[in-house]
C-alpha atoms as a PDB file:
ATOM      1  CA  UNK A   1       0.561   5.803   7.171  1.00  0.00           C
ATOM      2  CA  UNK A   2       2.285   9.148   7.710  1.00  0.00           C
ATOM      3  CA  UNK A   3       5.611   7.385   8.118  1.00  0.00           C
ATOM      4  CA  UNK A   4       5.130   5.497   4.865  1.00  0.00           C
ATOM      5  CA  UNK A   5       4.234   8.750   3.128  1.00  0.00           C
ATOM      6  CA  UNK A   6       7.446  10.389   4.352  1.00  0.00           C
ATOM      7  CA  UNK A   7       9.567   7.581   2.896  1.00  0.00           C
ATOM      8  CA  UNK A   8       8.142   8.042  -0.581  1.00  0.00           C
ATOM      9  CA  UNK A   9      10.305  10.130  -2.905  1.00  0.00           C
ATOM     10  CA  UNK A  10       9.200  13.750  -3.145  1.00  0.00           C
ATOM     11  CA  UNK A  11       8.311  13.458  -6.836  1.00  0.00           C
ATOM     12  CA  UNK A  12       5.966  10.528  -6.167  1.00  0.00           C
ATOM     13  CA  UNK A  13       4.380  12.355  -3.236  1.00  0.00           C
ATOM     14  CA  UNK A  14       3.779  15.387  -5.433  1.00  0.00           C
ATOM     15  CA  UNK A  15       2.276  13.373  -8.298  1.00  0.00           C
ATOM     16  CA  UNK A  16      -0.069  11.397  -6.047  1.00  0.00           C
ATOM     17  CA  UNK A  17      -1.261  14.494  -4.187  1.00  0.00           C
ATOM     18  CA  UNK A  18      -1.710  16.383  -7.477  1.00  0.00           C
ATOM     19  CA  UNK A  19      -3.837  13.606  -8.982  1.00  0.00           C
ATOM     20  CA  UNK A  20      -6.012  13.291  -5.885  1.00  0.00           C
ATOM     21  CA  UNK A  21      -6.415  17.084  -5.676  1.00  0.00           C
ATOM     22  CA  UNK A  22      -7.504  17.291  -9.299  1.00  0.00           C
ATOM     23  CA  UNK A  23      -9.986  14.490  -8.636  1.00  0.00           C
ATOM     24  CA  UNK A  24     -11.394  16.349  -5.640  1.00  0.00           C
ATOM     25  CA  UNK A  25     -11.703  19.484  -7.771  1.00  0.00           C
ATOM     26  CA  UNK A  26     -13.744  17.563 -10.329  1.00  0.00           C
ATOM     27  CA  UNK A  27     -15.991  16.235  -7.558  1.00  0.00           C
ATOM     28  CA  UNK A  28     -16.603  19.774  -6.283  1.00  0.00           C
ATOM     29  CA  UNK A  29     -17.386  20.804  -9.854  1.00  0.00           C
ATOM     30  CA  UNK A  30     -19.810  17.860 -10.091  1.00  0.00           C
ATOM     31  CA  UNK A  31     -21.727  19.044  -7.040  1.00  0.00           C
ATOM     32  CA  UNK A  32     -21.750  22.647  -8.266  1.00  0.00           C
ATOM     33  CA  UNK A  33     -23.114  21.662 -11.669  1.00  0.00           C
ATOM     34  CA  UNK A  34     -25.590  19.194 -10.180  1.00  0.00           C
ATOM     35  CA  UNK A  35     -27.023  21.631  -7.629  1.00  0.00           C
ATOM     36  CA  UNK A  36     -26.822  24.676  -9.886  1.00  0.00           C
ATOM     37  CA  UNK A  37     -28.129  23.280 -13.149  1.00  0.00           C
ATOM     38  CA  UNK A  38     -29.614  19.930 -12.106  1.00  0.00           C
ATOM     39  CA  UNK A  39     -28.411  18.408 -15.343  1.00  0.00           C
ATOM     40  CA  UNK A  40     -27.011  14.867 -15.284  1.00  0.00           C
ATOM     41  CA  UNK A  41     -25.573  15.146 -18.798  1.00  0.00           C
ATOM     42  CA  UNK A  42     -23.327  18.027 -17.769  1.00  0.00           C
ATOM     43  CA  UNK A  43     -22.327  16.651 -14.374  1.00  0.00           C
ATOM     44  CA  UNK A  44     -21.610  13.045 -15.432  1.00  0.00           C
ATOM     45  CA  UNK A  45     -18.206  13.834 -17.042  1.00  0.00           C
ATOM     46  CA  UNK A  46     -17.158  15.606 -13.828  1.00  0.00           C
ATOM     47  CA  UNK A  47     -17.934  12.600 -11.628  1.00  0.00           C
ATOM     48  CA  UNK A  48     -16.260  10.270 -14.119  1.00  0.00           C
ATOM     49  CA  UNK A  49     -13.076  12.352 -14.361  1.00  0.00           C
ATOM     50  CA  UNK A  50     -13.000  12.949 -10.606  1.00  0.00           C
ATOM     51  CA  UNK A  51     -13.344   9.303  -9.676  1.00  0.00           C
ATOM     52  CA  UNK A  52     -10.747   8.308 -12.283  1.00  0.00           C
ATOM     53  CA  UNK A  53      -8.193  10.780 -10.933  1.00  0.00           C
ATOM     54  CA  UNK A  54      -8.808   9.785  -7.308  1.00  0.00           C
ATOM     55  CA  UNK A  55      -8.389   6.099  -8.146  1.00  0.00           C
ATOM     56  CA  UNK A  56      -5.267   6.878 -10.179  1.00  0.00           C
ATOM     57  CA  UNK A  57      -3.707   8.854  -7.309  1.00  0.00           C
ATOM     58  CA  UNK A  58      -4.654   6.170  -4.800  1.00  0.00           C
ATOM     59  CA  UNK A  59      -3.058   3.464  -6.931  1.00  0.00           C
ATOM     60  CA  UNK A  60       0.085   5.575  -7.156  1.00  0.00           C
ATOM     61  CA  UNK A  61       0.135   5.842  -3.337  1.00  0.00           C
ATOM     62  CA  UNK A  62      -0.438   2.101  -3.016  1.00  0.00           C
ATOM     63  CA  UNK A  63       2.358   1.219  -5.443  1.00  0.00           C
ATOM     64  CA  UNK A  64       4.651   3.659  -3.649  1.00  0.00           C
ATOM     65  CA  UNK A  65       3.868   2.199  -0.223  1.00  0.00           C
ATOM     66  CA  UNK A  66       4.404  -1.359  -1.457  1.00  0.00           C
ATOM     67  CA  UNK A  67       7.602  -0.427  -3.288  1.00  0.00           C
ATOM     68  CA  UNK A  68       6.229  -1.481  -6.671  1.00  0.00           C
ATOM     69  CA  UNK A  69       8.250   1.088  -8.577  1.00  0.00           C
ATOM     70  CA  UNK A  70      11.687   1.293 -10.124  1.00  0.00           C
ATOM     71  CA  UNK A  71      14.010   4.246  -9.699  1.00  0.00           C
ATOM     72  CA  UNK A  72      16.388   4.852 -12.619  1.00  0.00           C
ATOM     73  CA  UNK A  73      19.070   7.489 -12.261  1.00  0.00           C
ATOM     74  CA  UNK A  74      21.192   8.710 -15.113  1.00  0.00           C
ATOM     75  CA  UNK A  75      22.788  11.687 -16.787  1.00  0.00           C
ATOM     76  CA  UNK A  76      20.996  13.698 -19.466  1.00  0.00           C
ATOM     77  CA  UNK A  77      23.029  13.338 -22.661  1.00  0.00           C
ATOM     78  CA  UNK A  78      20.740  14.743 -25.332  1.00  0.00           C
ATOM     79  CA  UNK A  79      17.450  16.628 -25.664  1.00  0.00           C
ATOM     80  CA  UNK A  80      15.160  16.727 -28.705  1.00  0.00           C
ATOM     81  CA  UNK A  81      13.119  19.895 -29.157  1.00  0.00           C
ATOM     82  CA  UNK A  82      10.332  20.814 -31.578  1.00  0.00           C
ATOM     83  CA  UNK A  83       8.522  23.937 -32.640  1.00  0.00           C
ATOM     84  CA  UNK A  84       9.310  27.588 -32.523  1.00  0.00           C
ATOM     85  CA  UNK A  85       9.426  27.696 -28.715  1.00  0.00           C
ATOM     86  CA  UNK A  86      11.842  24.734 -28.552  1.00  0.00           C
ATOM     87  CA  UNK A  87       9.505  22.545 -26.509  1.00  0.00           C
ATOM     88  CA  UNK A  88      11.125  19.336 -25.260  1.00  0.00           C
ATOM     89  CA  UNK A  89       9.971  16.203 -27.069  1.00  0.00           C
ATOM     90  CA  UNK A  90      12.419  13.533 -25.843  1.00  0.00           C
ATOM     91  CA  UNK A  91      15.329  13.307 -23.456  1.00  0.00           C
ATOM     92  CA  UNK A  92      18.110  10.748 -23.610  1.00  0.00           C
ATOM     93  CA  UNK A  93      19.528   9.501 -20.325  1.00  0.00           C
ATOM     94  CA  UNK A  94      22.754   7.551 -20.027  1.00  0.00           C
ATOM     95  CA  UNK A  95      23.076   5.037 -17.225  1.00  0.00           C
ATOM     96  CA  UNK A  96      25.954   2.661 -16.568  1.00  0.00           C
ATOM     97  CA  UNK A  97      24.514  -0.069 -18.785  1.00  0.00           C
ATOM     98  CA  UNK A  98      22.337   1.534 -21.437  1.00  0.00           C
ATOM     99  CA  UNK A  99      20.820   4.680 -22.912  1.00  0.00           C
ATOM    100  CA  UNK A 100      17.181   5.399 -22.150  1.00  0.00           C
ATOM    101  CA  UNK A 101      14.885   7.534 -24.330  1.00  0.00           C
ATOM    102  CA  UNK A 102      12.046   9.210 -22.425  1.00  0.00           C
ATOM    103  CA  UNK A 103       9.228  11.062 -24.223  1.00  0.00           C
ATOM    104  CA  UNK A 104       8.361  14.193 -22.262  1.00  0.00           C
ATOM    105  CA  UNK A 105       4.648  14.697 -21.588  1.00  0.00           C
ATOM    106  CA  UNK A 106       4.796  17.885 -19.524  1.00  0.00           C
ATOM    107  CA  UNK A 107       6.812  21.062 -19.333  1.00  0.00           C
ATOM    108  CA  UNK A 108      10.325  20.671 -17.922  1.00  0.00           C
ATOM    109  CA  UNK A 109      12.293  23.760 -17.007  1.00  0.00           C
ATOM    110  CA  UNK A 110      15.996  24.194 -16.417  1.00  0.00           C
ATOM    111  CA  UNK A 111      17.172  20.875 -17.839  1.00  0.00           C
ATOM    112  CA  UNK A 112      20.649  20.973 -19.318  1.00  0.00           C
ATOM    113  CA  UNK A 113      23.003  18.381 -20.678  1.00  0.00           C
ATOM    114  CA  UNK A 114      24.945  16.779 -17.838  1.00  0.00           C
ATOM    115  CA  UNK A 115      22.172  17.132 -15.253  1.00  0.00           C
ATOM    116  CA  UNK A 116      21.168  14.116 -13.205  1.00  0.00           C
ATOM    117  CA  UNK A 117      17.704  12.797 -14.036  1.00  0.00           C
ATOM    118  CA  UNK A 118      15.795  10.405 -11.783  1.00  0.00           C
ATOM    119  CA  UNK A 119      12.804   8.583 -13.264  1.00  0.00           C
ATOM    120  CA  UNK A 120      10.252   6.595 -11.267  1.00  0.00           C
ATOM    121  CA  UNK A 121       8.601   3.815 -13.275  1.00  0.00           C
ATOM    122  CA  UNK A 122       6.114   1.087 -12.566  1.00  0.00           C
ATOM    123  CA  UNK A 123       7.598  -2.390 -12.390  1.00  0.00           C
ATOM    124  CA  UNK A 124       5.264  -3.376 -15.227  1.00  0.00           C
ATOM    125  CA  UNK A 125       6.307  -0.587 -17.601  1.00  0.00           C
ATOM    126  CA  UNK A 126       7.621  -2.105 -20.831  1.00  0.00           C
ATOM    127  CA  UNK A 127      10.929  -0.952 -22.274  1.00  0.00           C
ATOM    128  CA  UNK A 128      11.240  -1.119 -26.048  1.00  0.00           C
ATOM    129  CA  UNK A 129      14.565  -1.557 -27.796  1.00  0.00           C
ATOM    130  CA  UNK A 130      15.276   1.383 -30.100  1.00  0.00           C
ATOM    131  CA  UNK A 131      18.431   2.900 -31.616  1.00  0.00           C
ATOM    132  CA  UNK A 132      20.996   0.936 -29.539  1.00  0.00           C
ATOM    133  CA  UNK A 133      19.136   1.743 -26.343  1.00  0.00           C
ATOM    134  CA  UNK A 134      15.718   1.492 -24.770  1.00  0.00           C
ATOM    135  CA  UNK A 135      12.594   3.612 -24.923  1.00  0.00           C
ATOM    136  CA  UNK A 136      10.120   3.922 -22.048  1.00  0.00           C
ATOM    137  CA  UNK A 137       6.732   5.396 -22.956  1.00  0.00           C
ATOM    138  CA  UNK A 138       5.322   6.132 -19.487  1.00  0.00           C
ATOM    139  CA  UNK A 139       6.581   7.012 -16.040  1.00  0.00           C
ATOM    140  CA  UNK A 140       5.194   8.043 -12.680  1.00  0.00           C
ATOM    141  CA  UNK A 141       7.424  11.017 -11.990  1.00  0.00           C
ATOM    142  CA  UNK A 142      10.656  12.662 -13.088  1.00  0.00           C
ATOM    143  CA  UNK A 143      13.151  14.582 -10.927  1.00  0.00           C
ATOM    144  CA  UNK A 144      16.016  16.746 -12.110  1.00  0.00           C
ATOM    145  CA  UNK A 145      19.174  17.249 -10.094  1.00  0.00           C
ATOM    146  CA  UNK A 146      21.558  19.975 -11.209  1.00  0.00           C
ATOM    147  CA  UNK A 147      25.188  19.137 -11.858  1.00  0.00           C
ATOM    148  CA  UNK A 148      27.565  20.411  -9.252  1.00  0.00           C
END
């Protein structure tokens, strides 16, 4: 199992470990609330969130081990920002065949036009045709490689 873990891309390893760690944190919080307050109404959301995150991380590991993911590599051509702080909303990635629009769900630092972007998707992720390209609404992980 260790060998399979080493062959996973670093971004997928990080995402799976992060999800499982958050799930474990919720389980610890469940036990703390349950033993401290003895209130099921307050501890139930903790056990629900913890088990959901652990299952989510485990499924990510399973799909990574089985190779049930797609790796798309392209060059960042455009970035859409919103708000006063110029938070990223969408990035546009050019590959050899098409342009891919990716909505950003988390904070991305140090992304510039011309950087290489690697996206890991599930095989079942739908791609929607939009503006002479495709739009993907969800992804497992995203890696950024700086231009040389």
